[in-house]
N, C-alpha and C. Protein backbone atom coordinates (compact mmCIF):
# COMPACT_ATOMS: atom_id res chain seq x y z
N MET A 1 50.81 9.69 -45.35
CA MET A 1 49.49 9.80 -44.73
C MET A 1 48.51 8.85 -45.41
N LYS A 2 47.76 8.11 -44.60
CA LYS A 2 46.74 7.21 -45.13
C LYS A 2 45.39 7.60 -44.56
N ILE A 3 44.37 7.62 -45.40
CA ILE A 3 43.01 7.95 -44.98
C ILE A 3 42.16 6.69 -45.06
N SER A 4 41.58 6.30 -43.94
CA SER A 4 40.66 5.17 -43.89
C SER A 4 39.29 5.68 -43.45
N ASN A 5 38.24 5.04 -43.93
CA ASN A 5 36.88 5.45 -43.61
C ASN A 5 36.13 4.28 -42.98
N ILE A 6 35.55 4.52 -41.80
CA ILE A 6 34.69 3.53 -41.16
C ILE A 6 33.30 4.14 -41.11
N ILE A 7 32.33 3.51 -41.73
CA ILE A 7 30.95 4.01 -41.71
C ILE A 7 30.27 3.48 -40.46
N VAL A 8 29.77 4.41 -39.62
CA VAL A 8 29.25 4.01 -38.31
C VAL A 8 27.85 4.56 -38.07
N GLY A 9 27.07 3.78 -37.32
CA GLY A 9 25.80 4.25 -36.80
C GLY A 9 24.64 4.21 -37.76
N GLU A 10 23.48 4.50 -37.20
CA GLU A 10 22.24 4.45 -37.95
C GLU A 10 22.15 5.50 -39.04
N LEU A 11 22.93 6.57 -38.93
CA LEU A 11 22.93 7.63 -39.94
C LEU A 11 24.13 7.53 -40.89
N TYR A 12 24.83 6.41 -40.82
CA TYR A 12 25.92 6.12 -41.77
C TYR A 12 26.95 7.26 -41.83
N THR A 13 27.45 7.61 -40.68
CA THR A 13 28.44 8.68 -40.58
C THR A 13 29.81 8.17 -41.02
N ASN A 14 30.52 8.99 -41.76
CA ASN A 14 31.90 8.67 -42.12
C ASN A 14 32.82 9.05 -40.97
N CYS A 15 33.40 8.05 -40.34
CA CYS A 15 34.43 8.28 -39.33
C CYS A 15 35.77 8.05 -40.01
N TYR A 16 36.59 9.09 -40.06
CA TYR A 16 37.86 9.00 -40.79
C TYR A 16 39.03 8.78 -39.84
N ILE A 17 39.90 7.87 -40.23
CA ILE A 17 41.13 7.60 -39.50
C ILE A 17 42.29 8.07 -40.37
N ILE A 18 43.01 9.07 -39.89
CA ILE A 18 44.17 9.61 -40.61
C ILE A 18 45.41 9.06 -39.91
N SER A 19 46.16 8.24 -40.61
CA SER A 19 47.27 7.55 -39.95
C SER A 19 48.60 7.83 -40.63
N ASN A 20 49.64 7.72 -39.80
CA ASN A 20 51.01 7.91 -40.26
C ASN A 20 51.92 7.20 -39.26
N ASN A 21 52.63 6.18 -39.72
CA ASN A 21 53.59 5.47 -38.85
C ASN A 21 52.96 4.93 -37.57
N TYR A 22 51.84 4.25 -37.73
CA TYR A 22 51.15 3.55 -36.63
C TYR A 22 50.56 4.48 -35.58
N GLU A 23 50.44 5.75 -35.89
CA GLU A 23 49.71 6.68 -35.05
C GLU A 23 48.61 7.31 -35.91
N CYS A 24 47.56 7.84 -35.26
CA CYS A 24 46.45 8.35 -36.05
C CYS A 24 45.68 9.43 -35.29
N ILE A 25 44.89 10.18 -36.06
CA ILE A 25 43.85 11.01 -35.48
C ILE A 25 42.51 10.45 -35.98
N ILE A 26 41.48 10.70 -35.21
CA ILE A 26 40.15 10.22 -35.55
C ILE A 26 39.25 11.43 -35.76
N ILE A 27 38.61 11.49 -36.92
CA ILE A 27 37.69 12.58 -37.24
C ILE A 27 36.26 12.04 -37.23
N ASP A 28 35.40 12.68 -36.46
CA ASP A 28 33.97 12.37 -36.39
C ASP A 28 33.68 10.93 -35.94
N PRO A 29 34.09 10.58 -34.72
CA PRO A 29 33.73 9.26 -34.18
C PRO A 29 32.28 9.28 -33.69
N GLY A 30 31.36 9.01 -34.59
CA GLY A 30 29.95 9.28 -34.31
C GLY A 30 29.17 8.19 -33.62
N ALA A 31 29.63 6.95 -33.71
CA ALA A 31 28.86 5.84 -33.16
C ALA A 31 29.75 4.59 -33.21
N GLU A 32 29.20 3.50 -32.69
CA GLU A 32 29.85 2.18 -32.75
C GLU A 32 31.32 2.23 -32.32
N PRO A 33 31.60 2.62 -31.09
CA PRO A 33 33.00 2.69 -30.66
C PRO A 33 33.72 1.36 -30.79
N GLY A 34 33.03 0.25 -30.56
CA GLY A 34 33.67 -1.05 -30.70
C GLY A 34 34.18 -1.31 -32.09
N LYS A 35 33.41 -0.87 -33.08
CA LYS A 35 33.83 -1.03 -34.48
C LYS A 35 35.08 -0.21 -34.77
N ILE A 36 35.13 1.00 -34.22
CA ILE A 36 36.30 1.85 -34.42
C ILE A 36 37.52 1.26 -33.71
N ILE A 37 37.33 0.81 -32.48
CA ILE A 37 38.44 0.22 -31.72
C ILE A 37 38.95 -1.04 -32.41
N ASP A 38 38.04 -1.87 -32.90
CA ASP A 38 38.47 -3.09 -33.61
C ASP A 38 39.34 -2.75 -34.80
N PHE A 39 38.97 -1.70 -35.54
CA PHE A 39 39.77 -1.30 -36.70
C PHE A 39 41.15 -0.83 -36.25
N LEU A 40 41.20 0.02 -35.24
CA LEU A 40 42.48 0.54 -34.76
C LEU A 40 43.39 -0.59 -34.31
N GLU A 41 42.83 -1.54 -33.59
CA GLU A 41 43.65 -2.65 -33.10
C GLU A 41 44.10 -3.56 -34.23
N SER A 42 43.23 -3.76 -35.22
CA SER A 42 43.62 -4.61 -36.35
C SER A 42 44.75 -4.00 -37.15
N MET A 43 44.81 -2.67 -37.17
CA MET A 43 45.86 -1.95 -37.91
C MET A 43 47.02 -1.54 -37.02
N LYS A 44 46.93 -1.91 -35.72
CA LYS A 44 47.97 -1.57 -34.74
C LYS A 44 48.22 -0.06 -34.67
N LEU A 45 47.11 0.70 -34.66
CA LEU A 45 47.19 2.16 -34.64
C LEU A 45 46.94 2.70 -33.24
N THR A 46 47.71 3.71 -32.87
CA THR A 46 47.53 4.39 -31.61
C THR A 46 46.98 5.79 -31.88
N PRO A 47 45.75 6.09 -31.44
CA PRO A 47 45.20 7.43 -31.69
C PRO A 47 45.84 8.48 -30.81
N LYS A 48 46.01 9.67 -31.38
CA LYS A 48 46.63 10.79 -30.68
C LYS A 48 45.67 11.96 -30.44
N LEU A 49 44.56 11.99 -31.19
CA LEU A 49 43.63 13.11 -31.07
C LEU A 49 42.29 12.72 -31.70
N LEU A 50 41.19 13.18 -31.07
CA LEU A 50 39.86 13.09 -31.66
C LEU A 50 39.44 14.49 -32.08
N ILE A 51 38.90 14.63 -33.27
CA ILE A 51 38.34 15.91 -33.72
C ILE A 51 36.95 15.65 -34.28
N SER A 52 35.97 16.42 -33.82
CA SER A 52 34.64 16.37 -34.42
C SER A 52 34.41 17.67 -35.20
N THR A 53 33.87 17.52 -36.39
CA THR A 53 33.64 18.69 -37.23
C THR A 53 32.48 19.55 -36.72
N HIS A 54 31.59 18.95 -35.91
CA HIS A 54 30.48 19.71 -35.32
C HIS A 54 29.83 18.88 -34.23
N TYR A 55 28.84 19.46 -33.54
CA TYR A 55 28.35 18.90 -32.29
C TYR A 55 27.32 17.78 -32.44
N HIS A 56 26.75 17.55 -33.59
CA HIS A 56 25.62 16.64 -33.70
C HIS A 56 25.96 15.23 -33.23
N ALA A 57 24.95 14.57 -32.66
CA ALA A 57 25.16 13.28 -31.99
C ALA A 57 25.82 12.25 -32.88
N ASP A 58 25.51 12.27 -34.17
CA ASP A 58 26.07 11.25 -35.07
C ASP A 58 27.52 11.54 -35.45
N HIS A 59 28.09 12.60 -34.88
CA HIS A 59 29.51 12.91 -35.10
C HIS A 59 30.33 12.91 -33.81
N VAL A 60 29.65 12.75 -32.68
CA VAL A 60 30.35 12.74 -31.39
C VAL A 60 29.97 11.56 -30.50
N GLY A 61 29.11 10.68 -31.00
CA GLY A 61 28.51 9.66 -30.14
C GLY A 61 29.46 8.62 -29.58
N ALA A 62 30.66 8.47 -30.16
CA ALA A 62 31.63 7.49 -29.65
C ALA A 62 32.80 8.14 -28.94
N VAL A 63 32.77 9.46 -28.79
CA VAL A 63 33.89 10.19 -28.18
C VAL A 63 34.19 9.68 -26.78
N LYS A 64 33.16 9.58 -25.94
CA LYS A 64 33.36 9.20 -24.54
C LYS A 64 34.06 7.85 -24.43
N ASN A 65 33.58 6.87 -25.17
CA ASN A 65 34.16 5.52 -25.10
C ASN A 65 35.60 5.50 -25.56
N LEU A 66 35.90 6.25 -26.61
CA LEU A 66 37.27 6.26 -27.14
C LEU A 66 38.23 6.96 -26.18
N ILE A 67 37.77 8.01 -25.53
CA ILE A 67 38.62 8.68 -24.54
C ILE A 67 38.89 7.76 -23.36
N GLU A 68 37.86 7.04 -22.93
CA GLU A 68 38.06 6.09 -21.83
C GLU A 68 39.04 4.99 -22.20
N LYS A 69 39.02 4.60 -23.47
CA LYS A 69 39.92 3.53 -23.92
C LYS A 69 41.35 4.03 -24.09
N TYR A 70 41.52 5.21 -24.68
CA TYR A 70 42.85 5.66 -25.11
C TYR A 70 43.38 6.88 -24.35
N ASP A 71 42.58 7.53 -23.53
CA ASP A 71 43.02 8.70 -22.77
C ASP A 71 43.65 9.75 -23.68
N ILE A 72 42.86 10.20 -24.67
CA ILE A 72 43.34 11.19 -25.64
C ILE A 72 42.48 12.43 -25.58
N GLN A 73 42.96 13.51 -26.20
CA GLN A 73 42.24 14.77 -26.17
C GLN A 73 41.17 14.83 -27.25
N PHE A 74 40.14 15.62 -26.96
CA PHE A 74 38.98 15.79 -27.84
C PHE A 74 38.88 17.27 -28.22
N ALA A 75 38.80 17.54 -29.53
CA ALA A 75 38.73 18.91 -30.04
C ALA A 75 37.44 19.11 -30.83
N ILE A 76 36.86 20.31 -30.70
CA ILE A 76 35.65 20.66 -31.45
C ILE A 76 35.61 22.18 -31.57
N GLY A 77 34.78 22.70 -32.48
CA GLY A 77 34.65 24.14 -32.64
C GLY A 77 34.08 24.80 -31.39
N LYS A 78 34.69 25.89 -30.97
CA LYS A 78 34.27 26.58 -29.74
C LYS A 78 32.81 27.00 -29.78
N ASN A 79 32.35 27.44 -30.93
CA ASN A 79 30.98 27.94 -31.03
C ASN A 79 29.93 26.83 -31.02
N ASP A 80 30.38 25.59 -30.94
CA ASP A 80 29.45 24.47 -30.79
C ASP A 80 29.37 23.97 -29.35
N LEU A 81 30.14 24.56 -28.45
CA LEU A 81 30.24 24.01 -27.10
C LEU A 81 28.89 23.96 -26.39
N ASN A 82 28.14 25.05 -26.40
CA ASN A 82 26.85 25.06 -25.71
C ASN A 82 25.86 24.08 -26.32
N PHE A 83 25.93 23.91 -27.64
CA PHE A 83 25.04 22.97 -28.31
C PHE A 83 25.43 21.53 -28.00
N LEU A 84 26.72 21.28 -27.90
CA LEU A 84 27.21 19.94 -27.55
C LEU A 84 26.65 19.50 -26.21
N GLU A 85 26.56 20.42 -25.28
CA GLU A 85 26.11 20.10 -23.93
C GLU A 85 24.60 20.06 -23.82
N ALA A 86 23.88 20.47 -24.88
CA ALA A 86 22.42 20.42 -24.91
C ALA A 86 21.96 19.75 -26.19
N GLN A 87 22.44 18.54 -26.41
CA GLN A 87 22.17 17.77 -27.63
C GLN A 87 20.67 17.54 -27.82
N PRO A 88 20.14 17.76 -29.04
CA PRO A 88 18.73 17.42 -29.27
C PRO A 88 18.46 15.95 -28.95
N THR A 89 17.51 15.71 -28.05
CA THR A 89 17.26 14.36 -27.57
C THR A 89 16.85 13.43 -28.70
N TRP A 90 16.02 13.92 -29.60
CA TRP A 90 15.54 13.04 -30.67
C TRP A 90 16.69 12.57 -31.55
N LEU A 91 17.71 13.43 -31.70
CA LEU A 91 18.85 13.06 -32.54
C LEU A 91 19.73 12.04 -31.82
N SER A 92 20.04 12.30 -30.56
CA SER A 92 20.87 11.34 -29.83
C SER A 92 20.17 9.99 -29.68
N ASN A 93 18.84 10.01 -29.60
CA ASN A 93 18.10 8.75 -29.49
C ASN A 93 18.16 7.91 -30.76
N LEU A 94 18.50 8.54 -31.88
CA LEU A 94 18.63 7.79 -33.14
C LEU A 94 19.88 6.91 -33.15
N ILE A 95 20.86 7.25 -32.30
CA ILE A 95 22.15 6.56 -32.30
C ILE A 95 22.16 5.58 -31.13
N SER A 96 22.03 4.29 -31.43
CA SER A 96 21.86 3.30 -30.36
C SER A 96 23.06 3.21 -29.43
N THR A 97 24.26 3.54 -29.92
CA THR A 97 25.46 3.46 -29.08
C THR A 97 25.88 4.83 -28.53
N TYR A 98 24.99 5.83 -28.65
CA TYR A 98 25.35 7.19 -28.25
C TYR A 98 25.66 7.27 -26.76
N GLU A 99 26.76 7.94 -26.43
CA GLU A 99 27.10 8.31 -25.06
C GLU A 99 27.38 9.81 -25.05
N LYS A 100 26.90 10.50 -24.03
CA LYS A 100 27.16 11.93 -23.93
C LYS A 100 28.66 12.18 -23.94
N PRO A 101 29.15 13.04 -24.85
CA PRO A 101 30.60 13.23 -24.97
C PRO A 101 31.24 13.82 -23.72
N THR A 102 32.47 13.46 -23.51
CA THR A 102 33.31 14.12 -22.52
C THR A 102 33.50 15.58 -22.92
N SER A 103 33.64 16.46 -21.95
CA SER A 103 33.89 17.88 -22.27
C SER A 103 35.15 18.02 -23.11
N PRO A 104 35.12 18.87 -24.13
CA PRO A 104 36.30 19.01 -25.00
C PRO A 104 37.52 19.53 -24.26
N ASP A 105 38.68 19.06 -24.68
CA ASP A 105 39.95 19.57 -24.17
C ASP A 105 40.43 20.77 -24.97
N ILE A 106 40.05 20.81 -26.26
CA ILE A 106 40.53 21.85 -27.18
C ILE A 106 39.32 22.45 -27.88
N LEU A 107 39.18 23.76 -27.80
CA LEU A 107 38.11 24.48 -28.48
C LEU A 107 38.72 25.28 -29.63
N LEU A 108 38.22 25.03 -30.83
CA LEU A 108 38.81 25.57 -32.05
C LEU A 108 37.97 26.71 -32.60
N LEU A 109 38.64 27.78 -33.03
CA LEU A 109 37.96 28.92 -33.63
C LEU A 109 38.12 28.96 -35.14
N GLY A 110 39.06 28.19 -35.67
CA GLY A 110 39.42 28.31 -37.08
C GLY A 110 40.65 29.18 -37.21
N GLY A 111 41.53 28.80 -38.10
CA GLY A 111 42.79 29.51 -38.27
C GLY A 111 43.96 28.82 -37.58
N GLU A 112 43.65 27.82 -36.73
CA GLU A 112 44.73 27.10 -36.05
C GLU A 112 45.38 26.08 -37.00
N THR A 113 46.63 25.80 -36.76
CA THR A 113 47.31 24.67 -37.37
C THR A 113 47.84 23.79 -36.25
N ILE A 114 47.37 22.55 -36.24
CA ILE A 114 47.77 21.59 -35.22
C ILE A 114 48.76 20.63 -35.85
N ASN A 115 49.90 20.46 -35.24
CA ASN A 115 50.87 19.50 -35.75
C ASN A 115 50.76 18.20 -34.97
N VAL A 116 50.27 17.17 -35.65
CA VAL A 116 50.13 15.84 -35.07
C VAL A 116 50.60 14.85 -36.12
N LEU A 117 51.27 13.81 -35.71
CA LEU A 117 51.76 12.77 -36.61
C LEU A 117 52.74 13.30 -37.64
N GLY A 118 53.33 14.46 -37.39
CA GLY A 118 54.19 15.08 -38.38
C GLY A 118 53.42 15.75 -39.51
N LEU A 119 52.10 15.92 -39.33
CA LEU A 119 51.25 16.54 -40.33
C LEU A 119 50.77 17.89 -39.82
N ASP A 120 50.66 18.86 -40.73
CA ASP A 120 50.05 20.14 -40.39
C ASP A 120 48.55 20.05 -40.66
N ILE A 121 47.78 20.07 -39.60
CA ILE A 121 46.33 19.94 -39.68
C ILE A 121 45.74 21.34 -39.53
N LYS A 122 45.21 21.86 -40.63
CA LYS A 122 44.71 23.22 -40.64
C LYS A 122 43.20 23.23 -40.36
N ILE A 123 42.80 24.03 -39.39
CA ILE A 123 41.41 24.12 -39.00
C ILE A 123 40.78 25.35 -39.65
N ILE A 124 39.68 25.14 -40.36
CA ILE A 124 39.00 26.21 -41.07
C ILE A 124 37.59 26.35 -40.50
N SER A 125 37.23 27.54 -40.08
CA SER A 125 35.87 27.80 -39.60
C SER A 125 34.92 27.84 -40.78
N THR A 126 33.92 26.94 -40.77
CA THR A 126 32.92 26.89 -41.85
C THR A 126 31.52 26.76 -41.24
N PRO A 127 31.04 27.81 -40.59
CA PRO A 127 29.73 27.74 -39.92
C PRO A 127 28.58 27.65 -40.92
N GLY A 128 27.44 27.26 -40.40
CA GLY A 128 26.23 27.17 -41.22
C GLY A 128 25.42 25.95 -40.85
N HIS A 129 26.01 24.78 -40.97
CA HIS A 129 25.33 23.56 -40.50
C HIS A 129 25.17 23.62 -38.99
N SER A 130 26.16 24.17 -38.34
CA SER A 130 26.10 24.52 -36.91
C SER A 130 27.01 25.74 -36.73
N PRO A 131 26.86 26.47 -35.62
CA PRO A 131 27.68 27.69 -35.45
C PRO A 131 29.17 27.42 -35.40
N GLY A 132 29.56 26.26 -34.86
CA GLY A 132 30.98 25.97 -34.70
C GLY A 132 31.52 24.97 -35.69
N SER A 133 30.78 24.71 -36.76
CA SER A 133 31.26 23.74 -37.76
C SER A 133 32.65 24.11 -38.26
N ILE A 134 33.51 23.13 -38.31
CA ILE A 134 34.86 23.33 -38.83
C ILE A 134 35.11 22.35 -39.97
N SER A 135 36.01 22.73 -40.86
CA SER A 135 36.54 21.81 -41.86
C SER A 135 38.02 21.61 -41.56
N ILE A 136 38.51 20.44 -41.87
CA ILE A 136 39.87 20.04 -41.49
C ILE A 136 40.65 19.79 -42.77
N TYR A 137 41.69 20.60 -42.97
CA TYR A 137 42.44 20.61 -44.23
C TYR A 137 43.81 20.00 -43.97
N ILE A 138 44.06 18.85 -44.59
CA ILE A 138 45.33 18.16 -44.41
C ILE A 138 45.89 17.80 -45.79
N GLU A 139 47.06 18.32 -46.10
CA GLU A 139 47.70 18.08 -47.40
C GLU A 139 46.72 18.38 -48.52
N ASN A 140 46.33 17.41 -49.32
CA ASN A 140 45.45 17.67 -50.46
C ASN A 140 44.02 17.21 -50.22
N SER A 141 43.62 17.18 -48.95
CA SER A 141 42.29 16.70 -48.60
C SER A 141 41.64 17.65 -47.60
N ILE A 142 40.31 17.78 -47.71
CA ILE A 142 39.55 18.54 -46.72
C ILE A 142 38.38 17.71 -46.24
N PHE A 143 38.20 17.70 -44.93
CA PHE A 143 37.13 16.95 -44.29
C PHE A 143 36.08 17.97 -43.86
N THR A 144 34.92 17.94 -44.53
CA THR A 144 33.96 19.03 -44.43
C THR A 144 32.81 18.76 -43.48
N GLY A 145 32.81 17.62 -42.79
CA GLY A 145 31.68 17.34 -41.92
C GLY A 145 30.40 17.36 -42.73
N ASP A 146 29.37 18.06 -42.20
CA ASP A 146 28.08 18.09 -42.90
C ASP A 146 27.80 19.42 -43.58
N ILE A 147 28.85 20.19 -43.86
CA ILE A 147 28.69 21.44 -44.62
C ILE A 147 28.48 21.13 -46.11
N LEU A 148 29.35 20.30 -46.66
CA LEU A 148 29.35 20.03 -48.10
C LEU A 148 29.45 18.53 -48.35
N PHE A 149 28.51 18.02 -49.16
CA PHE A 149 28.51 16.63 -49.58
C PHE A 149 28.71 16.54 -51.10
N LYS A 150 28.88 15.33 -51.59
CA LYS A 150 28.83 15.12 -53.03
C LYS A 150 27.42 15.44 -53.52
N ASN A 151 27.32 16.50 -54.32
CA ASN A 151 26.05 16.99 -54.86
C ASN A 151 25.03 17.26 -53.76
N GLY A 152 25.48 17.79 -52.64
CA GLY A 152 24.57 18.13 -51.55
C GLY A 152 25.20 19.10 -50.59
N ILE A 153 24.36 19.66 -49.71
CA ILE A 153 24.82 20.52 -48.63
C ILE A 153 24.13 20.07 -47.36
N GLY A 154 24.61 20.55 -46.22
CA GLY A 154 24.06 20.12 -44.95
C GLY A 154 22.73 20.75 -44.62
N ARG A 155 21.94 20.03 -43.82
CA ARG A 155 20.67 20.58 -43.33
C ARG A 155 20.96 21.73 -42.37
N VAL A 156 20.01 22.64 -42.26
CA VAL A 156 20.20 23.81 -41.39
C VAL A 156 19.03 23.98 -40.43
N ASP A 157 18.24 22.93 -40.23
CA ASP A 157 17.05 23.05 -39.38
C ASP A 157 17.29 22.60 -37.95
N LEU A 158 18.52 22.22 -37.59
CA LEU A 158 18.85 21.90 -36.22
C LEU A 158 19.33 23.17 -35.51
N PRO A 159 19.33 23.19 -34.16
CA PRO A 159 19.72 24.41 -33.44
C PRO A 159 21.06 24.98 -33.90
N GLY A 160 21.05 26.27 -34.24
CA GLY A 160 22.25 26.96 -34.67
C GLY A 160 22.49 26.94 -36.17
N GLY A 161 21.64 26.25 -36.93
CA GLY A 161 21.83 26.19 -38.37
C GLY A 161 21.47 27.51 -39.05
N ASP A 162 22.16 27.81 -40.15
CA ASP A 162 21.94 29.08 -40.85
C ASP A 162 22.30 28.87 -42.32
N ILE A 163 21.31 28.90 -43.18
CA ILE A 163 21.54 28.60 -44.59
C ILE A 163 22.45 29.63 -45.25
N ASN A 164 22.32 30.91 -44.89
CA ASN A 164 23.17 31.93 -45.51
C ASN A 164 24.63 31.74 -45.11
N GLN A 165 24.87 31.42 -43.85
CA GLN A 165 26.23 31.13 -43.41
C GLN A 165 26.77 29.90 -44.13
N GLU A 166 25.94 28.89 -44.29
CA GLU A 166 26.41 27.66 -44.91
C GLU A 166 26.83 27.89 -46.36
N ILE A 167 26.00 28.57 -47.11
CA ILE A 167 26.33 28.85 -48.51
C ILE A 167 27.59 29.70 -48.60
N SER A 168 27.72 30.68 -47.70
CA SER A 168 28.92 31.52 -47.68
C SER A 168 30.16 30.70 -47.34
N SER A 169 30.04 29.78 -46.38
CA SER A 169 31.18 28.95 -46.01
C SER A 169 31.66 28.12 -47.19
N ILE A 170 30.70 27.62 -47.96
CA ILE A 170 31.07 26.78 -49.12
C ILE A 170 31.68 27.63 -50.22
N LYS A 171 30.98 28.69 -50.62
CA LYS A 171 31.40 29.45 -51.80
C LYS A 171 32.60 30.36 -51.52
N GLU A 172 32.64 30.95 -50.33
CA GLU A 172 33.67 31.94 -50.04
C GLU A 172 34.88 31.37 -49.32
N ILE A 173 34.77 30.16 -48.80
CA ILE A 173 35.90 29.57 -48.07
C ILE A 173 36.35 28.27 -48.73
N ILE A 174 35.48 27.27 -48.76
CA ILE A 174 35.89 25.98 -49.32
C ILE A 174 36.20 26.08 -50.80
N PHE A 175 35.38 26.80 -51.54
CA PHE A 175 35.59 26.90 -52.99
C PHE A 175 36.77 27.80 -53.36
N LYS A 176 37.40 28.45 -52.41
CA LYS A 176 38.61 29.22 -52.68
C LYS A 176 39.86 28.33 -52.65
N LEU A 177 39.70 27.10 -52.19
CA LEU A 177 40.81 26.15 -52.18
C LEU A 177 41.04 25.60 -53.59
N PRO A 178 42.18 24.97 -53.84
CA PRO A 178 42.45 24.44 -55.18
C PRO A 178 41.38 23.46 -55.66
N ASN A 179 41.09 23.52 -56.93
CA ASN A 179 40.00 22.73 -57.51
C ASN A 179 40.18 21.23 -57.32
N GLU A 180 41.40 20.75 -57.30
CA GLU A 180 41.63 19.31 -57.26
C GLU A 180 41.70 18.73 -55.85
N ILE A 181 41.43 19.56 -54.85
CA ILE A 181 41.41 19.06 -53.47
C ILE A 181 40.31 18.00 -53.34
N ASP A 182 40.63 16.90 -52.68
CA ASP A 182 39.64 15.87 -52.37
C ASP A 182 38.78 16.32 -51.20
N VAL A 183 37.47 16.15 -51.33
CA VAL A 183 36.52 16.51 -50.28
C VAL A 183 35.99 15.22 -49.65
N TYR A 184 36.21 15.10 -48.35
CA TYR A 184 35.71 13.94 -47.59
C TYR A 184 34.58 14.42 -46.69
N PRO A 185 33.33 14.13 -47.06
CA PRO A 185 32.18 14.64 -46.30
C PRO A 185 31.82 13.74 -45.12
N GLY A 186 30.92 14.27 -44.29
CA GLY A 186 30.49 13.52 -43.12
C GLY A 186 29.59 12.34 -43.43
N HIS A 187 28.99 12.33 -44.60
CA HIS A 187 28.14 11.23 -45.06
C HIS A 187 28.32 11.10 -46.57
N GLY A 188 28.24 9.89 -47.07
CA GLY A 188 28.30 9.68 -48.51
C GLY A 188 29.71 9.61 -49.07
N GLU A 189 29.78 9.67 -50.39
CA GLU A 189 31.04 9.45 -51.11
C GLU A 189 31.91 10.70 -51.11
N LYS A 190 33.21 10.48 -51.28
CA LYS A 190 34.12 11.61 -51.43
C LYS A 190 33.94 12.24 -52.80
N THR A 191 34.41 13.46 -52.93
CA THR A 191 34.28 14.18 -54.19
C THR A 191 35.48 15.11 -54.33
N LYS A 192 35.43 16.04 -55.25
CA LYS A 192 36.47 17.05 -55.42
C LYS A 192 35.80 18.42 -55.46
N ILE A 193 36.55 19.44 -55.10
CA ILE A 193 36.01 20.79 -55.11
C ILE A 193 35.51 21.16 -56.50
N ILE A 194 36.27 20.84 -57.52
CA ILE A 194 35.85 21.21 -58.88
C ILE A 194 34.54 20.54 -59.27
N CYS A 195 34.33 19.31 -58.81
CA CYS A 195 33.07 18.61 -59.12
C CYS A 195 31.89 19.33 -58.48
N GLU A 196 32.06 19.79 -57.25
CA GLU A 196 30.95 20.47 -56.58
C GLU A 196 30.71 21.86 -57.14
N LYS A 197 31.75 22.52 -57.57
CA LYS A 197 31.56 23.80 -58.27
C LYS A 197 30.73 23.61 -59.53
N ASN A 198 31.01 22.54 -60.25
CA ASN A 198 30.37 22.33 -61.55
C ASN A 198 29.01 21.66 -61.45
N ASP A 199 28.82 20.76 -60.49
CA ASP A 199 27.68 19.84 -60.53
C ASP A 199 26.71 19.94 -59.37
N ASN A 200 27.08 20.62 -58.28
CA ASN A 200 26.22 20.60 -57.11
C ASN A 200 25.00 21.49 -57.34
N ILE A 201 23.85 20.83 -57.50
CA ILE A 201 22.63 21.57 -57.87
C ILE A 201 22.14 22.51 -56.77
N HIS A 202 22.60 22.29 -55.54
CA HIS A 202 22.18 23.13 -54.43
C HIS A 202 22.94 24.45 -54.37
N LEU A 203 23.98 24.58 -55.22
CA LEU A 203 24.83 25.76 -55.18
C LEU A 203 24.75 26.56 -56.46
N LYS A 204 23.79 26.23 -57.31
CA LYS A 204 23.65 26.98 -58.57
C LYS A 204 22.93 28.31 -58.34
C-alpha cells in the first residue's frame, strides 16, 4: 500500500490517494479535479472508489468531475447526507472549482469493512465536526478528515457540528487505537496518535 497526498483548493485540503498495484481509492477529493486526474494519469492509477470523510465543500468539491471521468462509486457517512445536499453557500463559494457532488452510492454508518485493492478498509464513525464524519482505518494509518489535526481539532460551528461529540470521538474512539498509528488529517501535516495524546493542547 502506498499513500500519496495531493493538496487541493483554496483551503489546502489533503486529498489522499491510497494505491496498490496500479489501482487506488481517493479520500477527500475536495477541489482541483484536473490536478487529481493529472496525478492519477502520471502514476497510471485506476481509481476504484471515492470516499469523503464528511460533507463539507472542501472535501467533496471534485467528486462530480471524478465520477464523470472514471465512473466510480462515491461513499460518505449516512448522517451527512442531508447536509451534503444543502451545502453552506459561503463555504462552497470559497472553492473555485467546486461542483455539487453526485448523490452518494454508498452511505456509511461506521463499523463497515470494505475490501478494495486487497485491503481491508475499516470505517469508524467519529461524529462531531459533522454528524456523519467518519475516519478511515487502513493497516497502520487512520484518515481522520477534520476531526483531529496535528495539535488541533476540527471546527464545530458549521451545521451539525457538536464539540462534545467531537471530543468524545477523539478520546473514546481514535485514542483507543494503538499509539503508533499514523494520523492523516484533512488539513496540515500527518502525526501519530501518541503525539496528539501528549501534545494536543485542545485535548488537555
